[in-house]
Structure formats: structure tokens, C-alpha cells
């Protein structure tokens, strides 16, 4: 018979009490030895527990088990590839690393770095959920105020605007920038004449 294991809804004290009185543990005559075995089991359990997606939970660390929905990866990839000026407006070096790790996680890779990033992603969006809320009003996006939304996209998360609201902000800025490019091209042609 194995040494008892801690139940998810059980406190440490409840586990120790149950462990000490377990039939298997009675083979240890000395109470101090029994107590040491129970505490060792508790420490082993705590080291193995993932605390994912929340403290006390013990689910496999994966995007599938995340409580945070994923942003549209293909849309994010298109921003990166087709509008690098927008992509650079938000997130920093860690944001770019986050995007790389998100892609690897989506491809099914399961490394320690990816698992750590997935756990970090859970807390990151809780801190940055409100980024972009200025666009719920009449504020128009530009390269200096869109950074929070771009960062959310790099982390593969959805903030207060919702996925469609985030896309709308990026699409509006893209159109605005494309219009400026056309203006600049016309101005450059006029200067040449």
C-alpha cells in the first residue's frame, strides 16, 4: 500500500492528520518517524504541483489548460510580417520572445522555457488586461498609443477591447499609415518635378 497523497481540497494540516492515521503508515511504530514520512510526502507533492492555471491547481501547463483565451495567431503573424512599424510599437524584447514561444507552444513543443512562459502569460495578462482601454472612447490609434494592444497581441492574449476590438484598432492604424505612405509618395513625386 502506498504512502497517502494530498488531495487538492485538503490543507497541509488535514493531510498530515490523515497521513498519520493511514493504515499503511501504521507500519511505522515511532510517531516521529511517521510524521517525518508524512512531511516528506507533503514536500514532494508540493514540488510536483504545477499551480496551474491558479495557485493550488495541478493541471498540465499548456495553452489548452490556460484560463486566458488566445488571440488570433494568424492575424498577429500578419502584423509582424506586413506592418513591422506597428509590430515595433508595442511589447519589448520580452514581447518578441513571448511571440516566438507562443508559436512554439502552438506547434506542440513542450520545453521548460515554454512552460515557464505559459505560466508567466497567465499573470502577464492579468496585469495588462486594461491596456488599450483608451480606444473604447474617441481616441484614434497611432504609433505612440497603440503599444499596449500590440504587446497583448505578442503575448497571444485578449484584453479589455476583446479580440475584434483589438483587430479594429490595428486595422484602423494600418489604414491610417497606408494613407500617409500614399501622401508621402505623392509629395516625393511632386518634389522631383
N, C-alpha and C. Protein backbone atom coordinates (compact mmCIF):
# COMPACT_ATOMS: atom_id res chain seq x y z
N UNK A 1 0.85 -1.19 0.00
CA UNK A 1 0.00 0.00 0.00
C UNK A 1 0.89 1.25 0.00
N UNK A 2 0.60 2.25 -0.86
CA UNK A 2 1.46 3.42 -0.96
C UNK A 2 1.22 4.44 0.15
N UNK A 3 2.19 5.31 0.27
CA UNK A 3 2.06 6.44 1.21
C UNK A 3 0.94 7.33 0.68
N UNK A 4 0.06 7.85 1.55
CA UNK A 4 -1.03 8.71 1.09
C UNK A 4 -0.52 9.95 0.36
N UNK A 5 -1.35 10.47 -0.52
CA UNK A 5 -1.03 11.71 -1.22
C UNK A 5 -2.07 12.76 -0.85
N UNK A 6 -1.67 14.01 -0.96
CA UNK A 6 -2.55 15.12 -0.57
C UNK A 6 -3.64 15.31 -1.62
N UNK A 7 -4.85 15.51 -1.15
CA UNK A 7 -5.99 15.81 -2.02
C UNK A 7 -5.95 17.30 -2.38
N UNK A 8 -6.52 17.67 -3.54
CA UNK A 8 -6.50 19.08 -3.98
C UNK A 8 -7.17 20.03 -3.01
N UNK A 9 -8.25 19.58 -2.37
CA UNK A 9 -9.01 20.49 -1.50
C UNK A 9 -8.59 20.37 -0.03
N UNK A 10 -7.50 19.69 0.23
CA UNK A 10 -7.06 19.39 1.59
C UNK A 10 -5.96 20.37 2.02
N UNK A 11 -6.07 20.88 3.24
CA UNK A 11 -4.99 21.74 3.76
C UNK A 11 -3.81 20.85 4.16
N UNK A 12 -2.67 21.47 4.35
CA UNK A 12 -1.49 20.71 4.79
C UNK A 12 -1.76 20.02 6.13
N UNK A 13 -2.40 20.74 7.03
CA UNK A 13 -2.69 20.17 8.35
C UNK A 13 -3.63 18.97 8.23
N UNK A 14 -4.65 19.08 7.40
CA UNK A 14 -5.58 17.96 7.20
C UNK A 14 -4.86 16.76 6.60
N UNK A 15 -3.96 17.03 5.66
CA UNK A 15 -3.22 15.93 5.05
C UNK A 15 -2.34 15.22 6.09
N UNK A 16 -1.62 15.98 6.90
CA UNK A 16 -0.73 15.38 7.90
C UNK A 16 -1.55 14.53 8.87
N UNK A 17 -2.68 15.05 9.29
CA UNK A 17 -3.55 14.30 10.21
C UNK A 17 -4.03 12.99 9.57
N UNK A 18 -4.47 13.08 8.33
CA UNK A 18 -4.95 11.87 7.62
C UNK A 18 -3.80 10.90 7.36
N UNK A 19 -2.66 11.44 6.97
CA UNK A 19 -1.48 10.61 6.70
C UNK A 19 -1.04 9.85 7.95
N UNK A 20 -1.01 10.54 9.07
CA UNK A 20 -0.57 9.92 10.33
C UNK A 20 -1.48 8.76 10.75
N UNK A 21 -2.76 8.85 10.42
CA UNK A 21 -3.70 7.80 10.83
C UNK A 21 -3.96 6.76 9.74
N UNK A 22 -3.30 6.90 8.60
CA UNK A 22 -3.49 5.96 7.49
C UNK A 22 -2.99 4.56 7.89
N UNK A 23 -3.70 3.53 7.42
CA UNK A 23 -3.34 2.14 7.72
C UNK A 23 -1.91 1.82 7.32
N UNK A 24 -1.51 2.25 6.14
CA UNK A 24 -0.15 1.98 5.65
C UNK A 24 0.90 2.57 6.58
N UNK A 25 0.62 3.74 7.10
CA UNK A 25 1.59 4.45 7.92
C UNK A 25 1.76 3.80 9.30
N UNK A 26 0.84 2.95 9.68
CA UNK A 26 0.92 2.31 11.00
C UNK A 26 2.07 1.31 11.07
N UNK A 27 2.66 1.00 9.90
CA UNK A 27 3.83 0.12 9.94
C UNK A 27 5.04 0.83 10.56
N UNK A 28 4.96 2.16 10.63
CA UNK A 28 5.98 2.92 11.33
C UNK A 28 5.55 3.04 12.78
N UNK A 29 6.25 2.35 13.68
CA UNK A 29 5.86 2.34 15.09
C UNK A 29 6.09 3.68 15.77
N UNK A 30 7.14 4.33 15.38
CA UNK A 30 7.54 5.59 16.00
C UNK A 30 6.76 6.75 15.36
N UNK A 31 6.02 7.50 16.19
CA UNK A 31 5.24 8.64 15.67
C UNK A 31 6.11 9.68 14.99
N UNK A 32 7.30 9.92 15.51
CA UNK A 32 8.17 10.93 14.89
C UNK A 32 8.63 10.47 13.51
N UNK A 33 8.85 9.18 13.34
CA UNK A 33 9.23 8.66 12.03
C UNK A 33 8.05 8.77 11.06
N UNK A 34 6.86 8.43 11.55
CA UNK A 34 5.65 8.54 10.74
C UNK A 34 5.43 9.98 10.31
N UNK A 35 5.62 10.90 11.25
CA UNK A 35 5.44 12.33 10.95
C UNK A 35 6.46 12.79 9.91
N UNK A 36 7.70 12.33 10.03
CA UNK A 36 8.74 12.71 9.07
C UNK A 36 8.40 12.21 7.67
N UNK A 37 7.88 10.99 7.57
CA UNK A 37 7.50 10.43 6.27
C UNK A 37 6.34 11.24 5.67
N UNK A 38 5.37 11.60 6.50
CA UNK A 38 4.23 12.39 6.01
C UNK A 38 4.69 13.77 5.52
N UNK A 39 5.58 14.43 6.28
CA UNK A 39 6.08 15.73 5.85
C UNK A 39 6.92 15.63 4.58
N UNK A 40 7.69 14.56 4.45
CA UNK A 40 8.48 14.35 3.23
C UNK A 40 7.54 14.17 2.03
N UNK A 41 6.46 13.43 2.23
CA UNK A 41 5.48 13.23 1.16
C UNK A 41 4.83 14.55 0.77
N UNK A 42 4.52 15.35 1.76
CA UNK A 42 3.91 16.66 1.50
C UNK A 42 4.86 17.55 0.70
N UNK A 43 6.13 17.57 1.06
CA UNK A 43 7.12 18.36 0.33
C UNK A 43 7.26 17.87 -1.11
N UNK A 44 7.28 16.56 -1.29
CA UNK A 44 7.37 16.00 -2.65
C UNK A 44 6.16 16.41 -3.48
N UNK A 45 4.98 16.35 -2.87
CA UNK A 45 3.75 16.74 -3.57
C UNK A 45 3.80 18.20 -4.00
N UNK A 46 4.25 19.07 -3.08
CA UNK A 46 4.29 20.50 -3.38
C UNK A 46 5.30 20.81 -4.48
N UNK A 47 6.40 20.07 -4.52
CA UNK A 47 7.39 20.28 -5.58
C UNK A 47 6.84 19.85 -6.93
N UNK A 48 6.02 18.82 -6.95
CA UNK A 48 5.46 18.31 -8.22
C UNK A 48 4.25 19.10 -8.68
N UNK A 49 3.57 19.78 -7.79
CA UNK A 49 2.35 20.51 -8.14
C UNK A 49 2.67 21.67 -9.07
N UNK A 50 1.87 21.83 -10.11
CA UNK A 50 2.13 22.87 -11.11
C UNK A 50 1.60 24.25 -10.71
N UNK A 51 0.60 24.30 -9.83
CA UNK A 51 -0.07 25.57 -9.51
C UNK A 51 -0.56 26.24 -10.77
N UNK A 52 -1.09 25.45 -11.68
CA UNK A 52 -1.56 25.97 -12.96
C UNK A 52 -2.98 25.51 -13.22
N UNK A 53 -3.85 26.38 -13.68
CA UNK A 53 -3.62 27.77 -14.04
C UNK A 53 -3.61 28.73 -12.84
N UNK A 54 -4.02 28.23 -11.67
CA UNK A 54 -4.02 29.08 -10.48
C UNK A 54 -3.30 28.38 -9.34
N UNK A 55 -2.88 29.14 -8.35
CA UNK A 55 -2.22 28.55 -7.19
C UNK A 55 -3.14 27.49 -6.58
N UNK A 56 -2.58 26.34 -6.33
CA UNK A 56 -3.36 25.24 -5.76
C UNK A 56 -3.88 24.27 -6.81
N UNK A 57 -3.93 24.70 -8.08
CA UNK A 57 -4.35 23.81 -9.16
C UNK A 57 -3.17 22.93 -9.56
N UNK A 58 -3.46 21.84 -10.18
CA UNK A 58 -2.38 20.94 -10.59
C UNK A 58 -2.64 20.39 -11.99
N UNK A 59 -2.96 21.29 -12.92
CA UNK A 59 -3.17 20.87 -14.30
C UNK A 59 -1.85 20.95 -15.06
N UNK A 60 -1.77 20.19 -16.14
CA UNK A 60 -0.60 20.26 -17.00
C UNK A 60 -0.47 21.69 -17.53
N UNK A 61 0.74 22.20 -17.55
CA UNK A 61 0.97 23.56 -18.04
C UNK A 61 0.92 23.52 -19.56
N UNK A 62 -0.14 24.08 -20.12
CA UNK A 62 -0.32 24.11 -21.57
C UNK A 62 -1.29 25.24 -21.91
N UNK A 63 -1.24 25.67 -23.16
CA UNK A 63 -2.20 26.70 -23.60
C UNK A 63 -3.62 26.17 -23.51
N UNK A 64 -3.80 24.89 -23.75
CA UNK A 64 -5.14 24.29 -23.69
C UNK A 64 -5.74 24.43 -22.29
N UNK A 65 -4.92 24.32 -21.25
CA UNK A 65 -5.42 24.42 -19.87
C UNK A 65 -5.42 25.85 -19.33
N UNK A 66 -4.98 26.79 -20.14
CA UNK A 66 -4.96 28.18 -19.71
C UNK A 66 -6.38 28.72 -19.55
N UNK A 67 -6.55 29.61 -18.61
CA UNK A 67 -7.85 30.28 -18.44
C UNK A 67 -7.96 31.50 -19.36
N UNK A 68 -6.85 31.86 -19.97
CA UNK A 68 -6.83 33.06 -20.82
C UNK A 68 -6.95 32.66 -22.29
N UNK A 69 -7.95 33.19 -22.99
CA UNK A 69 -8.11 32.84 -24.41
C UNK A 69 -6.95 33.37 -25.24
N UNK A 70 -6.72 32.71 -26.36
CA UNK A 70 -5.64 33.11 -27.26
C UNK A 70 -6.16 34.06 -28.33
N UNK A 71 -5.33 35.03 -28.65
CA UNK A 71 -5.59 35.93 -29.76
C UNK A 71 -5.39 35.15 -31.06
N UNK A 72 -5.93 35.66 -32.15
CA UNK A 72 -5.81 35.05 -33.48
C UNK A 72 -4.34 35.08 -33.92
N UNK A 73 -3.68 33.92 -33.90
CA UNK A 73 -2.25 33.84 -34.20
C UNK A 73 -1.95 34.29 -35.63
N UNK A 74 -2.78 33.91 -36.59
CA UNK A 74 -2.52 34.28 -37.98
C UNK A 74 -2.58 35.80 -38.17
N UNK A 75 -3.51 36.45 -37.49
CA UNK A 75 -3.61 37.91 -37.56
C UNK A 75 -2.33 38.53 -36.98
N UNK A 76 -1.88 38.00 -35.83
CA UNK A 76 -0.66 38.51 -35.21
C UNK A 76 0.54 38.34 -36.13
N UNK A 77 0.64 37.19 -36.75
CA UNK A 77 1.76 36.92 -37.65
C UNK A 77 1.74 37.87 -38.85
N UNK A 78 0.56 38.17 -39.33
CA UNK A 78 0.42 39.10 -40.46
C UNK A 78 0.89 40.50 -40.06
N UNK A 79 0.54 40.94 -38.85
CA UNK A 79 1.00 42.26 -38.38
C UNK A 79 2.53 42.27 -38.39
N UNK A 80 3.12 41.22 -37.83
CA UNK A 80 4.59 41.16 -37.73
C UNK A 80 5.23 41.23 -39.11
N UNK A 81 4.68 40.50 -40.04
CA UNK A 81 5.30 40.40 -41.36
C UNK A 81 4.98 41.57 -42.29
N UNK A 82 3.76 42.12 -42.19
CA UNK A 82 3.33 43.11 -43.18
C UNK A 82 3.34 44.55 -42.68
N UNK A 83 3.29 44.73 -41.37
CA UNK A 83 3.34 46.09 -40.84
C UNK A 83 4.33 46.15 -39.68
N UNK A 84 5.62 46.00 -39.99
CA UNK A 84 6.63 45.97 -38.92
C UNK A 84 6.66 47.24 -38.08
N UNK A 85 6.26 48.39 -38.67
CA UNK A 85 6.24 49.62 -37.87
C UNK A 85 5.22 49.53 -36.75
N UNK A 86 4.09 48.86 -37.00
CA UNK A 86 3.09 48.65 -35.93
C UNK A 86 3.62 47.62 -34.95
N UNK A 87 4.21 46.55 -35.45
CA UNK A 87 4.74 45.48 -34.60
C UNK A 87 5.76 46.04 -33.60
N UNK A 88 6.59 46.96 -34.06
CA UNK A 88 7.63 47.54 -33.20
C UNK A 88 7.06 48.51 -32.17
N UNK A 89 5.81 48.95 -32.35
CA UNK A 89 5.23 49.96 -31.47
C UNK A 89 4.93 49.42 -30.07
N UNK A 90 4.84 48.12 -29.92
CA UNK A 90 4.45 47.58 -28.63
C UNK A 90 5.25 46.37 -28.22
N UNK A 91 5.21 46.09 -26.93
CA UNK A 91 6.00 44.98 -26.43
C UNK A 91 7.46 45.32 -26.57
N UNK A 92 8.27 44.70 -25.83
CA UNK A 92 9.69 44.98 -25.91
C UNK A 92 10.39 43.69 -26.33
N UNK A 93 11.61 43.53 -25.93
CA UNK A 93 12.34 42.31 -26.27
C UNK A 93 11.57 41.10 -25.73
N UNK A 94 11.06 41.20 -24.50
CA UNK A 94 10.31 40.07 -23.93
C UNK A 94 9.03 39.81 -24.72
N UNK A 95 8.40 40.85 -25.25
CA UNK A 95 7.22 40.66 -26.08
C UNK A 95 7.54 39.87 -27.33
N UNK A 96 8.68 40.16 -27.95
CA UNK A 96 9.09 39.41 -29.13
C UNK A 96 9.43 37.96 -28.78
N UNK A 97 10.06 37.76 -27.62
CA UNK A 97 10.32 36.40 -27.15
C UNK A 97 9.01 35.68 -26.88
N UNK A 98 8.05 36.41 -26.29
CA UNK A 98 6.74 35.81 -26.00
C UNK A 98 6.08 35.31 -27.29
N UNK A 99 6.16 36.11 -28.34
CA UNK A 99 5.55 35.71 -29.61
C UNK A 99 6.22 34.45 -30.15
N UNK A 100 7.55 34.39 -30.05
CA UNK A 100 8.28 33.21 -30.51
C UNK A 100 7.86 31.97 -29.70
N UNK A 101 7.78 32.11 -28.37
CA UNK A 101 7.41 30.99 -27.51
C UNK A 101 5.96 30.58 -27.74
N UNK A 102 5.10 31.55 -27.99
CA UNK A 102 3.70 31.25 -28.29
C UNK A 102 3.61 30.38 -29.54
N UNK A 103 4.35 30.75 -30.58
CA UNK A 103 4.37 29.95 -31.81
C UNK A 103 4.86 28.54 -31.56
N UNK A 104 5.90 28.40 -30.77
CA UNK A 104 6.44 27.06 -30.47
C UNK A 104 5.44 26.24 -29.66
N UNK A 105 4.78 26.89 -28.71
CA UNK A 105 3.76 26.19 -27.91
C UNK A 105 2.61 25.72 -28.80
N UNK A 106 2.21 26.56 -29.72
CA UNK A 106 1.13 26.20 -30.65
C UNK A 106 1.53 25.03 -31.55
N UNK A 107 2.84 24.94 -31.84
CA UNK A 107 3.34 23.84 -32.66
C UNK A 107 3.49 22.54 -31.87
N UNK A 108 3.17 22.58 -30.59
CA UNK A 108 3.21 21.37 -29.78
C UNK A 108 4.52 21.14 -29.04
N UNK A 109 5.44 22.09 -29.11
CA UNK A 109 6.69 21.92 -28.37
C UNK A 109 6.41 22.06 -26.87
N UNK A 110 7.11 21.27 -26.08
CA UNK A 110 6.88 21.27 -24.64
C UNK A 110 8.24 21.27 -23.94
N UNK A 111 8.77 22.48 -23.74
CA UNK A 111 10.06 22.62 -23.06
C UNK A 111 9.84 23.39 -21.77
N UNK A 112 10.84 23.38 -20.92
CA UNK A 112 10.76 24.12 -19.67
C UNK A 112 10.54 25.62 -19.94
N UNK A 113 11.24 26.17 -20.94
CA UNK A 113 11.08 27.59 -21.28
C UNK A 113 9.65 27.90 -21.71
N UNK A 114 9.05 27.03 -22.47
CA UNK A 114 7.67 27.25 -22.93
C UNK A 114 6.71 27.15 -21.75
N UNK A 115 6.89 26.16 -20.89
CA UNK A 115 6.00 26.02 -19.72
C UNK A 115 6.12 27.24 -18.81
N UNK A 116 7.34 27.73 -18.60
CA UNK A 116 7.53 28.92 -17.78
C UNK A 116 6.85 30.14 -18.42
N UNK A 117 6.97 30.25 -19.75
CA UNK A 117 6.33 31.36 -20.44
C UNK A 117 4.80 31.27 -20.32
N UNK A 118 4.24 30.08 -20.45
CA UNK A 118 2.78 29.93 -20.33
C UNK A 118 2.32 30.37 -18.95
N UNK A 119 3.05 30.00 -17.92
CA UNK A 119 2.69 30.45 -16.56
C UNK A 119 2.84 31.97 -16.44
N UNK A 120 3.89 32.50 -17.02
CA UNK A 120 4.11 33.95 -16.99
C UNK A 120 2.99 34.67 -17.75
N UNK A 121 2.54 34.09 -18.85
CA UNK A 121 1.46 34.67 -19.66
C UNK A 121 0.18 34.83 -18.84
N UNK A 122 -0.12 33.85 -17.98
CA UNK A 122 -1.32 33.92 -17.14
C UNK A 122 -1.30 35.17 -16.26
N UNK A 123 -0.16 35.44 -15.65
CA UNK A 123 -0.09 36.61 -14.77
C UNK A 123 0.10 37.90 -15.57
N UNK A 124 0.78 37.81 -16.72
CA UNK A 124 1.03 39.00 -17.54
C UNK A 124 -0.30 39.64 -17.96
N UNK A 125 -1.23 38.84 -18.47
CA UNK A 125 -2.49 39.43 -18.96
C UNK A 125 -3.32 39.99 -17.81
N UNK A 126 -3.20 39.42 -16.65
CA UNK A 126 -3.94 39.98 -15.51
C UNK A 126 -3.45 41.39 -15.19
N UNK A 127 -2.15 41.63 -15.37
CA UNK A 127 -1.59 42.97 -15.14
C UNK A 127 -1.86 43.92 -16.29
N UNK A 128 -2.01 43.39 -17.50
CA UNK A 128 -2.11 44.24 -18.69
C UNK A 128 -3.47 44.16 -19.38
N UNK A 129 -4.46 43.60 -18.71
CA UNK A 129 -5.78 43.41 -19.32
C UNK A 129 -6.39 44.72 -19.80
N UNK A 130 -6.19 45.79 -19.05
CA UNK A 130 -6.81 47.08 -19.37
C UNK A 130 -6.06 47.88 -20.44
N UNK A 131 -4.89 47.40 -20.86
CA UNK A 131 -4.15 48.12 -21.90
C UNK A 131 -5.04 48.26 -23.13
N UNK A 132 -5.11 49.44 -23.67
CA UNK A 132 -5.93 49.68 -24.85
C UNK A 132 -7.30 50.24 -24.53
N UNK A 133 -7.63 50.39 -23.25
CA UNK A 133 -8.98 50.87 -22.89
C UNK A 133 -9.25 52.28 -23.42
N UNK A 134 -8.18 53.03 -23.73
CA UNK A 134 -8.38 54.39 -24.27
C UNK A 134 -9.11 54.35 -25.61
N UNK A 135 -9.07 53.22 -26.30
CA UNK A 135 -9.71 53.13 -27.61
C UNK A 135 -11.21 52.84 -27.51
N UNK A 136 -11.72 52.66 -26.30
CA UNK A 136 -13.16 52.49 -26.13
C UNK A 136 -13.88 53.83 -26.34
N UNK A 137 -13.15 54.92 -26.26
CA UNK A 137 -13.71 56.25 -26.48
C UNK A 137 -13.46 56.70 -27.91
N UNK A 138 -13.15 57.96 -28.07
CA UNK A 138 -12.92 58.53 -29.40
C UNK A 138 -11.45 58.60 -29.79
N UNK A 139 -10.58 58.04 -28.98
CA UNK A 139 -9.14 58.11 -29.26
C UNK A 139 -8.81 57.32 -30.52
N UNK A 140 -8.09 57.97 -31.42
CA UNK A 140 -7.66 57.28 -32.64
C UNK A 140 -6.29 56.67 -32.41
N UNK A 141 -6.08 55.46 -32.93
CA UNK A 141 -4.77 54.84 -32.74
C UNK A 141 -3.67 55.49 -33.56
N UNK A 142 -2.50 55.57 -32.97
CA UNK A 142 -1.30 55.99 -33.69
C UNK A 142 -0.13 55.19 -33.13
N UNK A 143 1.03 55.34 -33.71
CA UNK A 143 2.17 54.52 -33.29
C UNK A 143 2.60 54.78 -31.85
N UNK A 144 2.24 55.93 -31.30
CA UNK A 144 2.67 56.22 -29.93
C UNK A 144 1.67 55.77 -28.87
N UNK A 145 0.44 55.40 -29.25
CA UNK A 145 -0.53 55.00 -28.22
C UNK A 145 -1.06 53.56 -28.39
N UNK A 146 -0.57 52.84 -29.35
CA UNK A 146 -1.09 51.51 -29.63
C UNK A 146 -0.24 50.40 -28.99
N UNK A 147 0.82 50.78 -28.29
CA UNK A 147 1.77 49.81 -27.75
C UNK A 147 1.17 48.73 -26.87
N UNK A 148 0.25 49.09 -26.01
CA UNK A 148 -0.35 48.10 -25.11
C UNK A 148 -1.11 47.02 -25.86
N UNK A 149 -1.84 47.42 -26.89
CA UNK A 149 -2.60 46.45 -27.69
C UNK A 149 -1.63 45.53 -28.45
N UNK A 150 -0.59 46.10 -29.01
CA UNK A 150 0.39 45.29 -29.74
C UNK A 150 1.07 44.31 -28.78
N UNK A 151 1.38 44.76 -27.57
CA UNK A 151 2.00 43.87 -26.59
C UNK A 151 1.06 42.71 -26.25
N UNK A 152 -0.22 43.00 -26.06
CA UNK A 152 -1.19 41.93 -25.79
C UNK A 152 -1.19 40.91 -26.92
N UNK A 153 -1.11 41.40 -28.14
CA UNK A 153 -1.10 40.50 -29.30
C UNK A 153 0.16 39.64 -29.30
N UNK A 154 1.31 40.25 -29.01
CA UNK A 154 2.56 39.47 -28.97
C UNK A 154 2.51 38.37 -27.92
N UNK A 155 1.82 38.63 -26.83
CA UNK A 155 1.70 37.63 -25.77
C UNK A 155 0.58 36.64 -26.06
N UNK A 156 -0.13 36.85 -27.17
CA UNK A 156 -1.20 35.93 -27.54
C UNK A 156 -2.41 36.02 -26.64
N UNK A 157 -2.65 37.20 -26.08
CA UNK A 157 -3.74 37.38 -25.13
C UNK A 157 -4.80 38.33 -25.67
N UNK A 158 -5.93 38.35 -25.01
CA UNK A 158 -7.03 39.23 -25.40
C UNK A 158 -7.35 40.11 -24.20
N UNK A 159 -7.30 41.42 -24.43
CA UNK A 159 -7.53 42.37 -23.34
C UNK A 159 -8.95 42.90 -23.31
N UNK A 160 -9.10 44.04 -22.66
CA UNK A 160 -10.40 44.64 -22.40
C UNK A 160 -11.19 44.98 -23.67
N UNK A 161 -10.50 45.20 -24.78
CA UNK A 161 -11.20 45.52 -26.04
C UNK A 161 -11.85 44.31 -26.68
N UNK A 162 -11.46 43.13 -26.26
CA UNK A 162 -11.92 41.92 -26.93
C UNK A 162 -11.11 41.73 -28.20
N UNK A 163 -11.14 40.54 -28.75
CA UNK A 163 -10.32 40.26 -29.93
C UNK A 163 -10.69 41.15 -31.11
N UNK A 164 -11.97 41.30 -31.40
CA UNK A 164 -12.37 42.12 -32.55
C UNK A 164 -12.01 43.58 -32.35
N UNK A 165 -12.18 44.08 -31.13
CA UNK A 165 -11.80 45.46 -30.84
C UNK A 165 -10.31 45.70 -31.04
N UNK A 166 -9.50 44.73 -30.64
CA UNK A 166 -8.05 44.83 -30.83
C UNK A 166 -7.72 44.83 -32.32
N UNK A 167 -8.36 43.96 -33.07
CA UNK A 167 -8.14 43.91 -34.52
C UNK A 167 -8.56 45.22 -35.16
N UNK A 168 -9.70 45.77 -34.73
CA UNK A 168 -10.18 47.03 -35.30
C UNK A 168 -9.17 48.16 -35.09
N UNK A 169 -8.57 48.22 -33.90
CA UNK A 169 -7.56 49.25 -33.61
C UNK A 169 -6.39 49.10 -34.57
N UNK A 170 -5.90 47.89 -34.75
CA UNK A 170 -4.75 47.64 -35.63
C UNK A 170 -5.12 47.94 -37.08
N UNK A 171 -6.30 47.52 -37.50
CA UNK A 171 -6.71 47.77 -38.89
C UNK A 171 -6.88 49.26 -39.16
N UNK A 172 -7.44 49.98 -38.20
CA UNK A 172 -7.59 51.43 -38.36
C UNK A 172 -6.21 52.10 -38.48
N UNK A 173 -5.27 51.70 -37.64
CA UNK A 173 -3.93 52.27 -37.71
C UNK A 173 -3.25 51.88 -39.02
N UNK A 174 -3.45 50.67 -39.48
CA UNK A 174 -2.86 50.24 -40.76
C UNK A 174 -3.36 51.12 -41.90
N UNK A 175 -4.67 51.35 -41.94
CA UNK A 175 -5.23 52.21 -42.99
C UNK A 175 -4.66 53.62 -42.90
N UNK A 176 -4.55 54.12 -41.68
CA UNK A 176 -4.01 55.47 -41.46
C UNK A 176 -2.57 55.55 -41.98
N UNK A 177 -1.77 54.54 -41.65
CA UNK A 177 -0.37 54.54 -42.10
C UNK A 177 -0.26 54.37 -43.61
N UNK A 178 -1.13 53.55 -44.19
CA UNK A 178 -1.12 53.37 -45.65
C UNK A 178 -1.48 54.68 -46.34
N UNK A 179 -2.42 55.44 -45.77
CA UNK A 179 -2.77 56.74 -46.32
C UNK A 179 -1.61 57.71 -46.27
N UNK A 180 -0.85 57.69 -45.20
CA UNK A 180 0.32 58.56 -45.09
C UNK A 180 1.39 58.16 -46.09
N UNK A 181 1.54 56.87 -46.31
CA UNK A 181 2.53 56.41 -47.30
C UNK A 181 2.16 56.95 -48.67
N UNK A 182 0.87 56.87 -49.01
CA UNK A 182 0.41 57.38 -50.30
C UNK A 182 0.67 58.89 -50.39
N UNK A 183 0.37 59.63 -49.32
CA UNK A 183 0.63 61.07 -49.30
C UNK A 183 2.11 61.37 -49.49
N UNK A 184 2.94 60.60 -48.77
CA UNK A 184 4.39 60.80 -48.87
C UNK A 184 4.90 60.48 -50.27
N UNK A 185 4.34 59.46 -50.89
CA UNK A 185 4.76 59.12 -52.25
C UNK A 185 4.40 60.23 -53.21
N UNK A 186 3.19 60.78 -53.06
CA UNK A 186 2.76 61.88 -53.92
C UNK A 186 3.64 63.10 -53.68
N UNK A 187 3.92 63.42 -52.39
CA UNK A 187 4.77 64.55 -52.07
C UNK A 187 6.17 64.37 -52.65
N UNK A 188 6.72 63.18 -52.57
CA UNK A 188 8.05 62.92 -53.12
C UNK A 188 8.07 63.09 -54.63
N UNK A 189 7.01 62.64 -55.29
CA UNK A 189 6.93 62.80 -56.75
C UNK A 189 6.85 64.28 -57.12
N UNK A 190 6.09 65.04 -56.35
CA UNK A 190 5.94 66.48 -56.63
C UNK A 190 7.28 67.18 -56.46
N UNK A 191 8.04 66.80 -55.41
CA UNK A 191 9.35 67.42 -55.17
C UNK A 191 10.31 67.13 -56.30
N UNK A 192 10.20 65.94 -56.90
CA UNK A 192 11.08 65.57 -58.02
C UNK A 192 10.77 66.42 -59.26
N UNK A 193 9.52 66.81 -59.41
CA UNK A 193 9.11 67.60 -60.59
C UNK A 193 9.62 69.00 -60.42
